[in-house]
C-alpha cells in the first residue's frame, strides 16, 4: 500500500507491505541506511529516528503508521550545504563514537534533548540517552559531546540574537526623535513665554 510522509523535509511516497517496518522502508525503499538495525526488539536504540519531533524505535513502528508524519533521520541533521550539525562535530571532537553503529540513534536522541533543553546537565544527558546502548565508548565521550554541542548551539543562538537587535549609540538620541525649531515654528507650536496677559503666544 502507498504511504505518504515527509522525510528530512522532503515529501515521499513509498509502496510497502503493511507489515514492513519504518526502519526497513527507510533503508530499503529510500536508501537512508544511516538508520541502523541492531537488536530489532526496540532495546538497543540504534534505529532511533524522530517522528513529528519525538524519538521512536523505527524497528518497532510500521511504515504505514508514519502516514502524514514528518520523519527525521541522521541524514537530515546536516545543513543543505553539507555542513555538519554541532552534535555531529562534537561526537567527532570528543571521541563520542568508535565503531559508529549506535551513533545515529545516539544523535537522534541527543537532538531531541537539545530541542527541548538548551542547557541540560550531565545527569539529564545520561538520563535521555539511557535508552541507547553503546558497547565501545563507555559513554563518557558521548556525554562530553552532547554537553559541548549544547554550549555551541547556545553561543550561536546568542550571536544571532545580537545580530538581529538594533542598538543606538550610548548617550545619543536618534535625530528623528527631536523636532527641529524650524519644524515647530512652521506648525505654530514654538511660543514666547512673556506675551501679554501671561499667556504664551505664537512667535510671529
N, C-alpha and C. Protein backbone atom coordinates (compact mmCIF):
# COMPACT_ATOMS: atom_id res chain seq x y z
N UNK A 1 0.83 -1.19 0.00
CA UNK A 1 0.00 0.00 0.00
C UNK A 1 0.87 1.25 0.00
N UNK A 2 0.35 2.33 -0.60
CA UNK A 2 1.12 3.56 -0.71
C UNK A 2 1.01 4.39 0.57
N UNK A 3 2.16 4.88 1.00
CA UNK A 3 2.23 5.69 2.21
C UNK A 3 2.93 7.00 1.85
N UNK A 4 2.35 8.12 2.29
CA UNK A 4 2.94 9.43 2.04
C UNK A 4 3.35 10.07 3.37
N UNK A 5 4.58 10.49 3.44
CA UNK A 5 5.06 11.22 4.61
C UNK A 5 6.28 12.03 4.22
N UNK A 6 6.71 12.88 5.13
CA UNK A 6 7.87 13.75 4.88
C UNK A 6 9.09 13.16 5.57
N UNK A 7 10.18 13.08 4.83
CA UNK A 7 11.43 12.56 5.38
C UNK A 7 12.52 13.61 5.18
N UNK A 8 13.05 14.11 6.27
CA UNK A 8 14.10 15.13 6.23
C UNK A 8 13.69 16.33 5.36
N UNK A 9 12.42 16.73 5.51
CA UNK A 9 11.91 17.90 4.82
C UNK A 9 11.44 17.67 3.40
N UNK A 10 11.52 16.45 2.92
CA UNK A 10 11.12 16.14 1.55
C UNK A 10 9.93 15.19 1.54
N UNK A 11 8.91 15.54 0.76
CA UNK A 11 7.74 14.68 0.66
C UNK A 11 8.09 13.39 -0.07
N UNK A 12 7.69 12.26 0.51
CA UNK A 12 8.00 10.95 -0.07
C UNK A 12 6.72 10.12 -0.16
N UNK A 13 6.70 9.27 -1.18
CA UNK A 13 5.62 8.28 -1.32
C UNK A 13 6.27 6.92 -1.56
N UNK A 14 5.95 5.96 -0.73
CA UNK A 14 6.51 4.61 -0.88
C UNK A 14 5.37 3.60 -0.93
N UNK A 15 5.62 2.54 -1.67
CA UNK A 15 4.65 1.45 -1.78
C UNK A 15 5.20 0.28 -0.98
N UNK A 16 4.59 -0.01 0.15
CA UNK A 16 5.14 -1.01 1.07
C UNK A 16 4.06 -2.00 1.49
N UNK A 17 4.51 -3.15 1.94
CA UNK A 17 3.59 -4.10 2.55
C UNK A 17 3.21 -3.59 3.93
N UNK A 18 2.00 -3.85 4.37
CA UNK A 18 1.55 -3.36 5.68
C UNK A 18 2.46 -3.81 6.83
N UNK A 19 3.13 -4.95 6.66
CA UNK A 19 3.96 -5.47 7.74
C UNK A 19 5.38 -4.90 7.75
N UNK A 20 5.72 -4.07 6.77
CA UNK A 20 7.09 -3.56 6.68
C UNK A 20 7.32 -2.48 7.72
N UNK A 21 8.46 -2.57 8.40
CA UNK A 21 8.77 -1.59 9.44
C UNK A 21 9.25 -0.29 8.81
N UNK A 22 9.17 0.76 9.61
CA UNK A 22 9.67 2.06 9.15
C UNK A 22 11.16 1.99 8.88
N UNK A 23 11.89 1.27 9.72
CA UNK A 23 13.33 1.14 9.54
C UNK A 23 13.65 0.51 8.18
N UNK A 24 12.95 -0.56 7.84
CA UNK A 24 13.20 -1.22 6.56
C UNK A 24 12.80 -0.34 5.39
N UNK A 25 11.71 0.40 5.54
CA UNK A 25 11.29 1.30 4.47
C UNK A 25 12.32 2.40 4.24
N UNK A 26 12.84 2.96 5.32
CA UNK A 26 13.86 3.99 5.20
C UNK A 26 15.11 3.46 4.53
N UNK A 27 15.54 2.29 4.92
CA UNK A 27 16.78 1.71 4.41
C UNK A 27 16.61 1.15 3.00
N UNK A 28 15.58 0.37 2.79
CA UNK A 28 15.44 -0.37 1.53
C UNK A 28 14.74 0.42 0.43
N UNK A 29 13.75 1.20 0.80
CA UNK A 29 12.96 1.91 -0.21
C UNK A 29 13.46 3.33 -0.46
N UNK A 30 14.14 3.92 0.51
CA UNK A 30 14.60 5.30 0.36
C UNK A 30 16.12 5.43 0.36
N UNK A 31 16.81 4.34 0.66
CA UNK A 31 18.27 4.38 0.66
C UNK A 31 18.88 5.12 1.82
N UNK A 32 18.11 5.36 2.87
CA UNK A 32 18.62 6.08 4.05
C UNK A 32 19.16 5.06 5.05
N UNK A 33 20.35 4.57 4.75
CA UNK A 33 20.92 3.48 5.55
C UNK A 33 21.60 3.96 6.83
N UNK A 34 21.51 5.26 7.11
CA UNK A 34 22.06 5.75 8.37
C UNK A 34 21.28 5.24 9.57
N UNK A 35 20.02 4.86 9.34
CA UNK A 35 19.22 4.25 10.40
C UNK A 35 19.64 2.79 10.52
N UNK A 36 20.31 2.45 11.62
CA UNK A 36 20.86 1.10 11.78
C UNK A 36 19.89 0.16 12.50
N UNK A 37 20.01 -1.10 12.19
CA UNK A 37 19.22 -2.14 12.85
C UNK A 37 20.15 -2.99 13.70
N UNK A 38 19.86 -3.00 15.01
CA UNK A 38 20.67 -3.78 15.93
C UNK A 38 19.90 -4.98 16.45
N UNK A 39 19.23 -4.78 17.56
CA UNK A 39 18.51 -5.89 18.20
C UNK A 39 17.18 -6.21 17.51
N UNK A 40 16.59 -5.21 16.86
CA UNK A 40 15.26 -5.32 16.23
C UNK A 40 14.17 -5.72 17.24
N UNK A 41 14.42 -5.38 18.50
CA UNK A 41 13.42 -5.60 19.55
C UNK A 41 13.12 -4.29 20.30
N UNK A 42 13.66 -3.18 19.81
CA UNK A 42 13.41 -1.90 20.46
C UNK A 42 14.22 -1.66 21.72
N UNK A 43 15.30 -2.43 21.90
CA UNK A 43 16.08 -2.32 23.13
C UNK A 43 17.34 -1.49 22.95
N UNK A 44 18.07 -1.69 21.84
CA UNK A 44 19.40 -1.08 21.71
C UNK A 44 19.36 0.40 21.33
N UNK A 45 18.31 0.84 20.63
CA UNK A 45 18.19 2.25 20.27
C UNK A 45 18.91 2.66 19.00
N UNK A 46 19.58 1.72 18.32
CA UNK A 46 20.34 2.07 17.12
C UNK A 46 19.45 2.60 16.00
N UNK A 47 18.19 2.18 15.98
CA UNK A 47 17.27 2.57 14.89
C UNK A 47 16.45 3.80 15.22
N UNK A 48 16.80 4.51 16.26
CA UNK A 48 16.00 5.66 16.69
C UNK A 48 15.94 6.75 15.62
N UNK A 49 14.75 7.21 15.32
CA UNK A 49 14.52 8.36 14.44
C UNK A 49 13.51 9.26 15.15
N UNK A 50 13.31 10.45 14.60
CA UNK A 50 12.31 11.36 15.15
C UNK A 50 11.08 11.36 14.25
N UNK A 51 9.93 11.12 14.83
CA UNK A 51 8.66 11.18 14.11
C UNK A 51 7.83 12.29 14.74
N UNK A 52 7.59 13.32 13.94
CA UNK A 52 6.90 14.52 14.45
C UNK A 52 7.62 15.07 15.69
N UNK A 53 8.94 15.00 15.64
CA UNK A 53 9.76 15.58 16.69
C UNK A 53 10.01 14.69 17.89
N UNK A 54 9.41 13.51 17.93
CA UNK A 54 9.56 12.63 19.07
C UNK A 54 10.36 11.38 18.68
N UNK A 55 11.26 10.91 19.56
CA UNK A 55 12.06 9.73 19.23
C UNK A 55 11.22 8.46 19.24
N UNK A 56 11.40 7.64 18.22
CA UNK A 56 10.72 6.35 18.14
C UNK A 56 11.71 5.30 17.69
N UNK A 57 11.41 4.06 18.01
CA UNK A 57 12.20 2.93 17.53
C UNK A 57 11.65 2.54 16.15
N UNK A 58 12.42 2.80 15.12
CA UNK A 58 11.94 2.53 13.76
C UNK A 58 11.78 1.05 13.48
N UNK A 59 12.40 0.20 14.30
CA UNK A 59 12.26 -1.25 14.09
C UNK A 59 10.94 -1.77 14.65
N UNK A 60 10.28 -0.97 15.48
CA UNK A 60 9.01 -1.38 16.07
C UNK A 60 7.81 -0.68 15.45
N UNK A 61 8.06 0.29 14.62
CA UNK A 61 6.97 1.06 14.02
C UNK A 61 6.78 0.63 12.57
N UNK A 62 5.56 0.38 12.17
CA UNK A 62 5.28 0.05 10.78
C UNK A 62 5.36 1.31 9.93
N UNK A 63 5.80 1.15 8.71
CA UNK A 63 5.88 2.30 7.80
C UNK A 63 4.51 2.94 7.59
N UNK A 64 3.46 2.12 7.53
CA UNK A 64 2.12 2.67 7.30
C UNK A 64 1.66 3.56 8.45
N UNK A 65 2.26 3.36 9.63
CA UNK A 65 1.90 4.20 10.78
C UNK A 65 2.46 5.61 10.64
N UNK A 66 3.40 5.79 9.74
CA UNK A 66 4.01 7.11 9.54
C UNK A 66 3.24 7.98 8.55
N UNK A 67 2.14 7.48 8.05
CA UNK A 67 1.32 8.23 7.09
C UNK A 67 1.03 9.65 7.59
N UNK A 68 1.42 10.64 6.76
CA UNK A 68 1.17 12.03 7.10
C UNK A 68 2.12 12.63 8.11
N UNK A 69 3.09 11.86 8.58
CA UNK A 69 4.02 12.34 9.61
C UNK A 69 5.27 12.96 9.00
N UNK A 70 6.05 13.59 9.87
CA UNK A 70 7.35 14.14 9.48
C UNK A 70 8.43 13.32 10.18
N UNK A 71 9.31 12.72 9.40
CA UNK A 71 10.34 11.84 9.93
C UNK A 71 11.71 12.49 9.73
N UNK A 72 12.52 12.46 10.76
CA UNK A 72 13.89 12.96 10.67
C UNK A 72 14.85 11.82 10.96
N UNK A 73 15.79 11.60 10.05
CA UNK A 73 16.82 10.59 10.25
C UNK A 73 18.17 11.29 10.40
N UNK A 74 19.19 10.54 10.67
CA UNK A 74 20.52 11.13 10.86
C UNK A 74 20.98 11.86 9.61
N UNK A 75 20.53 11.42 8.44
CA UNK A 75 20.91 12.10 7.19
C UNK A 75 20.36 13.52 7.12
N UNK A 76 19.32 13.81 7.89
CA UNK A 76 18.70 15.13 7.86
C UNK A 76 19.29 16.12 8.84
N UNK A 77 20.34 15.74 9.56
CA UNK A 77 20.92 16.64 10.55
C UNK A 77 21.80 17.71 9.93
N UNK A 78 22.55 17.36 8.90
CA UNK A 78 23.47 18.32 8.28
C UNK A 78 22.71 19.41 7.55
N UNK A 79 23.35 20.53 7.34
CA UNK A 79 22.74 21.64 6.62
C UNK A 79 22.60 21.32 5.14
N UNK A 80 21.88 22.17 4.42
CA UNK A 80 21.67 21.96 2.99
C UNK A 80 22.98 21.97 2.22
N UNK A 81 23.98 22.69 2.76
CA UNK A 81 25.28 22.76 2.09
C UNK A 81 26.23 21.67 2.56
N UNK A 82 25.71 20.75 3.38
CA UNK A 82 26.54 19.66 3.87
C UNK A 82 27.26 19.94 5.17
N UNK A 83 27.08 21.15 5.71
CA UNK A 83 27.73 21.50 6.99
C UNK A 83 27.19 20.62 8.10
N UNK A 84 28.09 20.05 8.86
CA UNK A 84 27.68 19.17 9.95
C UNK A 84 26.94 19.93 11.04
N UNK A 85 26.00 19.25 11.66
CA UNK A 85 25.31 19.77 12.83
C UNK A 85 26.31 19.81 13.99
N UNK A 86 26.18 20.77 14.92
CA UNK A 86 27.09 20.82 16.07
C UNK A 86 27.22 19.49 16.81
N UNK A 87 26.14 18.72 16.89
CA UNK A 87 26.22 17.41 17.55
C UNK A 87 27.15 16.47 16.79
N UNK A 88 27.06 16.48 15.48
CA UNK A 88 27.92 15.61 14.69
C UNK A 88 29.39 15.97 14.87
N UNK A 89 29.69 17.26 14.83
CA UNK A 89 31.08 17.70 15.04
C UNK A 89 31.57 17.33 16.43
N UNK A 90 30.70 17.55 17.43
CA UNK A 90 31.09 17.29 18.82
C UNK A 90 31.37 15.80 19.04
N UNK A 91 30.59 14.92 18.42
CA UNK A 91 30.83 13.49 18.58
C UNK A 91 32.20 13.11 18.04
N UNK A 92 32.63 13.77 16.97
CA UNK A 92 33.97 13.51 16.44
C UNK A 92 35.05 14.12 17.32
N UNK A 93 34.84 15.36 17.73
CA UNK A 93 35.86 16.07 18.52
C UNK A 93 36.07 15.46 19.90
N UNK A 94 35.01 14.88 20.47
CA UNK A 94 35.10 14.37 21.84
C UNK A 94 35.08 12.85 21.90
N UNK A 95 35.39 12.22 20.80
CA UNK A 95 35.50 10.75 20.75
C UNK A 95 34.22 10.09 21.26
N UNK A 96 33.09 10.59 20.76
CA UNK A 96 31.80 10.03 21.17
C UNK A 96 31.39 8.81 20.36
N UNK A 97 32.29 8.30 19.55
CA UNK A 97 31.98 7.10 18.77
C UNK A 97 33.27 6.33 18.50
N UNK A 98 33.10 5.02 18.33
CA UNK A 98 34.21 4.17 17.90
C UNK A 98 33.79 3.37 16.67
N UNK A 99 33.03 2.32 16.87
CA UNK A 99 32.57 1.57 15.69
C UNK A 99 31.50 2.35 14.93
N UNK A 100 30.76 3.20 15.62
CA UNK A 100 29.77 4.06 14.98
C UNK A 100 28.40 3.44 14.77
N UNK A 101 28.23 2.17 15.16
CA UNK A 101 26.95 1.52 14.88
C UNK A 101 25.80 2.15 15.66
N UNK A 102 26.05 2.53 16.90
CA UNK A 102 25.00 3.11 17.73
C UNK A 102 24.83 4.61 17.50
N UNK A 103 25.79 5.23 16.79
CA UNK A 103 25.86 6.69 16.72
C UNK A 103 24.62 7.35 16.14
N UNK A 104 24.02 6.87 15.03
CA UNK A 104 22.83 7.54 14.51
C UNK A 104 21.70 7.64 15.55
N UNK A 105 21.47 6.54 16.27
CA UNK A 105 20.43 6.57 17.30
C UNK A 105 20.79 7.50 18.44
N UNK A 106 22.07 7.52 18.83
CA UNK A 106 22.53 8.44 19.87
C UNK A 106 22.30 9.88 19.44
N UNK A 107 22.64 10.19 18.20
CA UNK A 107 22.48 11.55 17.70
C UNK A 107 21.02 11.98 17.68
N UNK A 108 20.14 11.08 17.29
CA UNK A 108 18.72 11.41 17.26
C UNK A 108 18.18 11.67 18.67
N UNK A 109 18.56 10.84 19.62
CA UNK A 109 18.11 11.05 21.00
C UNK A 109 18.67 12.34 21.57
N UNK A 110 19.95 12.62 21.27
CA UNK A 110 20.57 13.85 21.76
C UNK A 110 19.94 15.07 21.11
N UNK A 111 19.61 14.97 19.83
CA UNK A 111 18.96 16.09 19.13
C UNK A 111 17.61 16.39 19.76
N UNK A 112 16.87 15.36 20.09
CA UNK A 112 15.57 15.55 20.75
C UNK A 112 15.76 16.26 22.08
N UNK A 113 16.77 15.90 22.83
CA UNK A 113 17.02 16.53 24.12
C UNK A 113 17.34 18.02 23.94
N UNK A 114 18.23 18.35 23.00
CA UNK A 114 18.66 19.74 22.83
C UNK A 114 17.59 20.61 22.20
N UNK A 115 16.61 20.00 21.57
CA UNK A 115 15.47 20.76 21.08
C UNK A 115 14.57 21.20 22.23
N UNK A 116 14.62 20.46 23.33
CA UNK A 116 13.75 20.75 24.47
C UNK A 116 14.47 21.47 25.59
N UNK A 117 15.75 21.19 25.76
CA UNK A 117 16.52 21.78 26.86
C UNK A 117 17.82 22.35 26.31
N UNK A 118 18.03 23.64 26.55
CA UNK A 118 19.22 24.29 25.99
C UNK A 118 20.47 24.05 26.82
N UNK A 119 20.31 23.81 28.11
CA UNK A 119 21.48 23.60 28.97
C UNK A 119 21.26 22.38 29.87
N UNK A 120 21.17 21.20 29.29
CA UNK A 120 20.94 20.01 30.12
C UNK A 120 22.17 19.68 30.95
N UNK A 121 21.94 19.21 32.15
CA UNK A 121 23.05 18.78 33.00
C UNK A 121 23.57 17.44 32.49
N UNK A 122 24.72 17.02 32.99
CA UNK A 122 25.27 15.73 32.58
C UNK A 122 24.35 14.61 33.02
N UNK A 123 23.69 14.80 34.15
CA UNK A 123 22.74 13.78 34.62
C UNK A 123 21.56 13.66 33.66
N UNK A 124 21.07 14.81 33.16
CA UNK A 124 19.95 14.79 32.22
C UNK A 124 20.37 14.15 30.89
N UNK A 125 21.58 14.43 30.48
CA UNK A 125 22.08 13.84 29.23
C UNK A 125 22.13 12.32 29.37
N UNK A 126 22.67 11.85 30.49
CA UNK A 126 22.73 10.40 30.72
C UNK A 126 21.32 9.79 30.77
N UNK A 127 20.42 10.50 31.40
CA UNK A 127 19.04 10.00 31.50
C UNK A 127 18.40 9.91 30.12
N UNK A 128 18.59 10.94 29.31
CA UNK A 128 17.97 10.96 27.98
C UNK A 128 18.54 9.88 27.07
N UNK A 129 19.82 9.59 27.23
CA UNK A 129 20.48 8.61 26.37
C UNK A 129 20.48 7.20 26.97
N UNK A 130 19.81 7.03 28.07
CA UNK A 130 19.83 5.72 28.74
C UNK A 130 19.16 4.62 27.90
N UNK A 131 18.36 5.01 26.92
CA UNK A 131 17.72 4.02 26.07
C UNK A 131 18.54 3.63 24.86
N UNK A 132 19.75 4.18 24.77
CA UNK A 132 20.65 3.86 23.65
C UNK A 132 21.88 3.14 24.19
N UNK A 133 22.15 1.98 23.65
CA UNK A 133 23.26 1.16 24.14
C UNK A 133 24.49 1.33 23.26
N UNK A 134 25.66 1.54 23.91
CA UNK A 134 26.94 1.62 23.21
C UNK A 134 27.88 0.60 23.85
N UNK A 135 28.52 -0.21 23.03
CA UNK A 135 29.41 -1.24 23.55
C UNK A 135 30.88 -0.84 23.46
N UNK A 136 31.16 0.40 22.99
CA UNK A 136 32.55 0.79 22.74
C UNK A 136 33.08 1.87 23.66
N UNK A 137 32.33 2.97 23.78
CA UNK A 137 32.92 4.21 24.31
C UNK A 137 32.95 4.31 25.82
N UNK A 138 32.09 3.59 26.51
CA UNK A 138 31.96 3.80 27.95
C UNK A 138 31.11 5.01 28.27
N UNK A 139 30.54 5.67 27.25
CA UNK A 139 29.55 6.74 27.36
C UNK A 139 30.12 8.10 27.76
N UNK A 140 31.29 8.16 28.37
CA UNK A 140 31.81 9.45 28.84
C UNK A 140 32.00 10.41 27.67
N UNK A 141 32.60 9.93 26.60
CA UNK A 141 32.81 10.78 25.43
C UNK A 141 31.50 11.25 24.82
N UNK A 142 30.48 10.41 24.89
CA UNK A 142 29.17 10.78 24.35
C UNK A 142 28.56 11.91 25.16
N UNK A 143 28.62 11.79 26.48
CA UNK A 143 28.09 12.84 27.35
C UNK A 143 28.87 14.14 27.15
N UNK A 144 30.20 14.03 27.03
CA UNK A 144 31.02 15.21 26.76
C UNK A 144 30.60 15.88 25.46
N UNK A 145 30.32 15.07 24.45
CA UNK A 145 29.95 15.61 23.13
C UNK A 145 28.63 16.35 23.18
N UNK A 146 27.64 15.79 23.83
CA UNK A 146 26.34 16.44 23.90
C UNK A 146 26.44 17.73 24.69
N UNK A 147 27.21 17.71 25.77
CA UNK A 147 27.40 18.91 26.57
C UNK A 147 28.08 20.01 25.75
N UNK A 148 29.09 19.64 24.97
CA UNK A 148 29.80 20.61 24.15
C UNK A 148 28.91 21.16 23.04
N UNK A 149 28.10 20.29 22.44
CA UNK A 149 27.19 20.74 21.38
C UNK A 149 26.16 21.71 21.92
N UNK A 150 25.67 21.47 23.12
CA UNK A 150 24.69 22.37 23.73
C UNK A 150 25.29 23.77 23.91
N UNK A 151 26.54 23.83 24.36
CA UNK A 151 27.20 25.12 24.55
C UNK A 151 27.39 25.83 23.22
N UNK A 152 27.79 25.08 22.19
CA UNK A 152 27.99 25.69 20.87
C UNK A 152 26.68 26.22 20.30
N UNK A 153 25.62 25.44 20.45
CA UNK A 153 24.32 25.87 19.93
C UNK A 153 23.80 27.09 20.67
N UNK A 154 24.03 27.16 21.98
CA UNK A 154 23.59 28.33 22.76
C UNK A 154 24.38 29.56 22.35
N UNK A 155 25.68 29.39 22.10
CA UNK A 155 26.52 30.51 21.67
C UNK A 155 26.06 31.03 20.32
N UNK A 156 25.78 30.12 19.40
CA UNK A 156 25.32 30.53 18.07
C UNK A 156 23.98 31.25 18.15
N UNK A 157 23.08 30.75 19.01
CA UNK A 157 21.77 31.38 19.17
C UNK A 157 21.92 32.79 19.74
N UNK A 158 22.85 32.95 20.70
CA UNK A 158 23.09 34.27 21.28
C UNK A 158 23.64 35.25 20.28
N UNK A 159 24.54 34.78 19.40
CA UNK A 159 25.11 35.65 18.38
C UNK A 159 24.05 36.09 17.38
N UNK A 160 23.15 35.20 17.03
CA UNK A 160 22.08 35.56 16.10
C UNK A 160 21.16 36.61 16.71
N UNK A 161 20.91 36.47 18.03
CA UNK A 161 20.06 37.44 18.71
C UNK A 161 20.72 38.81 18.72
N UNK A 162 22.03 38.84 18.97
CA UNK A 162 22.75 40.10 18.99
C UNK A 162 22.76 40.76 17.62
N UNK A 163 22.93 39.95 16.58
CA UNK A 163 22.97 40.50 15.23
C UNK A 163 21.62 41.08 14.84
N UNK A 164 20.55 40.49 15.36
CA UNK A 164 19.21 40.94 14.98
C UNK A 164 18.73 42.13 15.77
N UNK A 165 19.42 42.45 16.86
CA UNK A 165 18.98 43.58 17.70
C UNK A 165 19.52 44.90 17.15
N UNK A 166 18.75 45.98 17.30
CA UNK A 166 19.17 47.30 16.86
C UNK A 166 19.56 48.11 18.10
N UNK A 167 20.82 48.57 18.13
CA UNK A 167 21.31 49.31 19.28
C UNK A 167 21.66 50.73 18.87
N UNK A 168 21.20 51.72 19.63
CA UNK A 168 21.58 53.10 19.41
C UNK A 168 22.87 53.38 20.18
N UNK A 169 23.75 54.27 19.66
CA UNK A 169 24.98 54.60 20.38
C UNK A 169 24.68 55.17 21.75
N UNK A 170 25.49 54.78 22.73
CA UNK A 170 25.27 55.23 24.11
C UNK A 170 25.36 56.74 24.20
N UNK A 171 24.42 57.35 24.93
CA UNK A 171 24.45 58.78 25.17
C UNK A 171 23.90 59.62 24.04
N UNK A 172 23.42 58.96 22.97
CA UNK A 172 22.89 59.71 21.85
C UNK A 172 21.42 59.38 21.66
N UNK A 173 20.70 60.34 21.17
CA UNK A 173 19.28 60.16 20.90
C UNK A 173 19.08 60.21 19.40
N UNK A 174 18.32 59.30 18.84
CA UNK A 174 18.10 59.35 17.39
C UNK A 174 17.62 60.72 16.95
N UNK A 175 18.18 61.20 15.85
CA UNK A 175 17.84 62.54 15.39
C UNK A 175 16.37 62.68 15.08
N UNK A 176 15.76 61.61 14.66
CA UNK A 176 14.35 61.68 14.30
C UNK A 176 13.45 61.91 15.50
N UNK A 177 14.00 61.73 16.71
CA UNK A 177 13.17 61.88 17.90
C UNK A 177 13.09 63.34 18.36
N UNK A 178 13.93 64.25 17.80
CA UNK A 178 13.96 65.65 18.24
C UNK A 178 13.50 66.54 17.09
N UNK A 179 12.30 67.11 17.17
CA UNK A 179 11.83 68.01 16.11
C UNK A 179 12.69 69.26 16.08
N UNK A 180 13.01 69.76 14.91
CA UNK A 180 13.80 70.99 14.80
C UNK A 180 12.93 72.20 15.09
N UNK A 181 13.59 73.33 15.46
CA UNK A 181 12.84 74.55 15.76
C UNK A 181 12.09 75.05 14.53
N UNK A 182 12.68 74.83 13.35
CA UNK A 182 12.02 75.27 12.13
C UNK A 182 10.70 74.53 11.94
N UNK A 183 10.73 73.25 12.18
CA UNK A 183 9.51 72.46 12.03
C UNK A 183 8.45 72.87 13.02
N UNK A 184 8.89 73.14 14.28
CA UNK A 184 7.93 73.56 15.28
C UNK A 184 7.34 74.92 14.93
N UNK A 185 8.20 75.81 14.43
CA UNK A 185 7.71 77.15 14.07
C UNK A 185 6.70 77.06 12.94
N UNK A 186 6.99 76.18 11.97
CA UNK A 186 6.05 76.03 10.87
C UNK A 186 4.70 75.54 11.36
N UNK A 187 4.72 74.74 12.42
CA UNK A 187 3.47 74.21 12.95
C UNK A 187 2.78 75.17 13.90
N UNK A 188 3.45 76.32 14.23
CA UNK A 188 2.85 77.29 15.12
C UNK A 188 2.92 76.89 16.57
N UNK A 189 3.85 75.94 16.88
CA UNK A 189 3.93 75.45 18.25
C UNK A 189 5.05 76.09 19.05
N UNK A 190 5.94 76.85 18.42
CA UNK A 190 7.03 77.48 19.15
C UNK A 190 6.51 78.80 19.70
N UNK A 191 6.47 78.98 21.03
CA UNK A 191 5.81 80.13 21.65
C UNK A 191 6.78 80.96 22.45
N UNK A 192 6.37 82.25 22.70
CA UNK A 192 7.13 83.14 23.56
C UNK A 192 6.49 83.14 24.94
N UNK A 193 7.26 82.97 26.00
CA UNK A 193 6.69 82.85 27.34
C UNK A 193 6.19 84.16 27.94
N UNK A 194 6.63 85.35 27.44
CA UNK A 194 6.30 86.63 28.08
C UNK A 194 5.29 87.43 27.27
N UNK A 195 4.30 86.81 26.75
CA UNK A 195 3.29 87.53 25.97
C UNK A 195 2.29 88.20 26.90
N UNK A 196 1.58 89.27 26.43
CA UNK A 196 0.59 89.97 27.28
C UNK A 196 -0.47 89.02 27.81
N UNK A 197 -0.90 89.33 29.03
CA UNK A 197 -1.94 88.53 29.65
C UNK A 197 -1.42 87.26 30.31
N UNK A 198 -0.08 87.13 30.33
CA UNK A 198 0.51 85.96 31.00
C UNK A 198 0.36 84.67 30.26
N UNK A 199 -0.10 84.74 28.98
CA UNK A 199 -0.25 83.52 28.22
C UNK A 199 0.75 83.51 27.09
N UNK A 200 1.22 82.40 26.78
CA UNK A 200 2.16 82.29 25.67
C UNK A 200 1.44 82.51 24.37
N UNK A 201 2.14 83.11 23.45
CA UNK A 201 1.57 83.37 22.14
C UNK A 201 2.53 82.86 21.09
N UNK A 202 2.02 82.50 19.94
CA UNK A 202 2.92 82.01 18.87
C UNK A 202 3.91 83.06 18.48
N UNK A 203 5.14 82.61 18.14
CA UNK A 203 6.17 83.54 17.68
C UNK A 203 5.74 84.07 16.33
N UNK A 204 5.84 85.41 16.12
CA UNK A 204 5.42 85.98 14.83
C UNK A 204 6.33 85.47 13.68
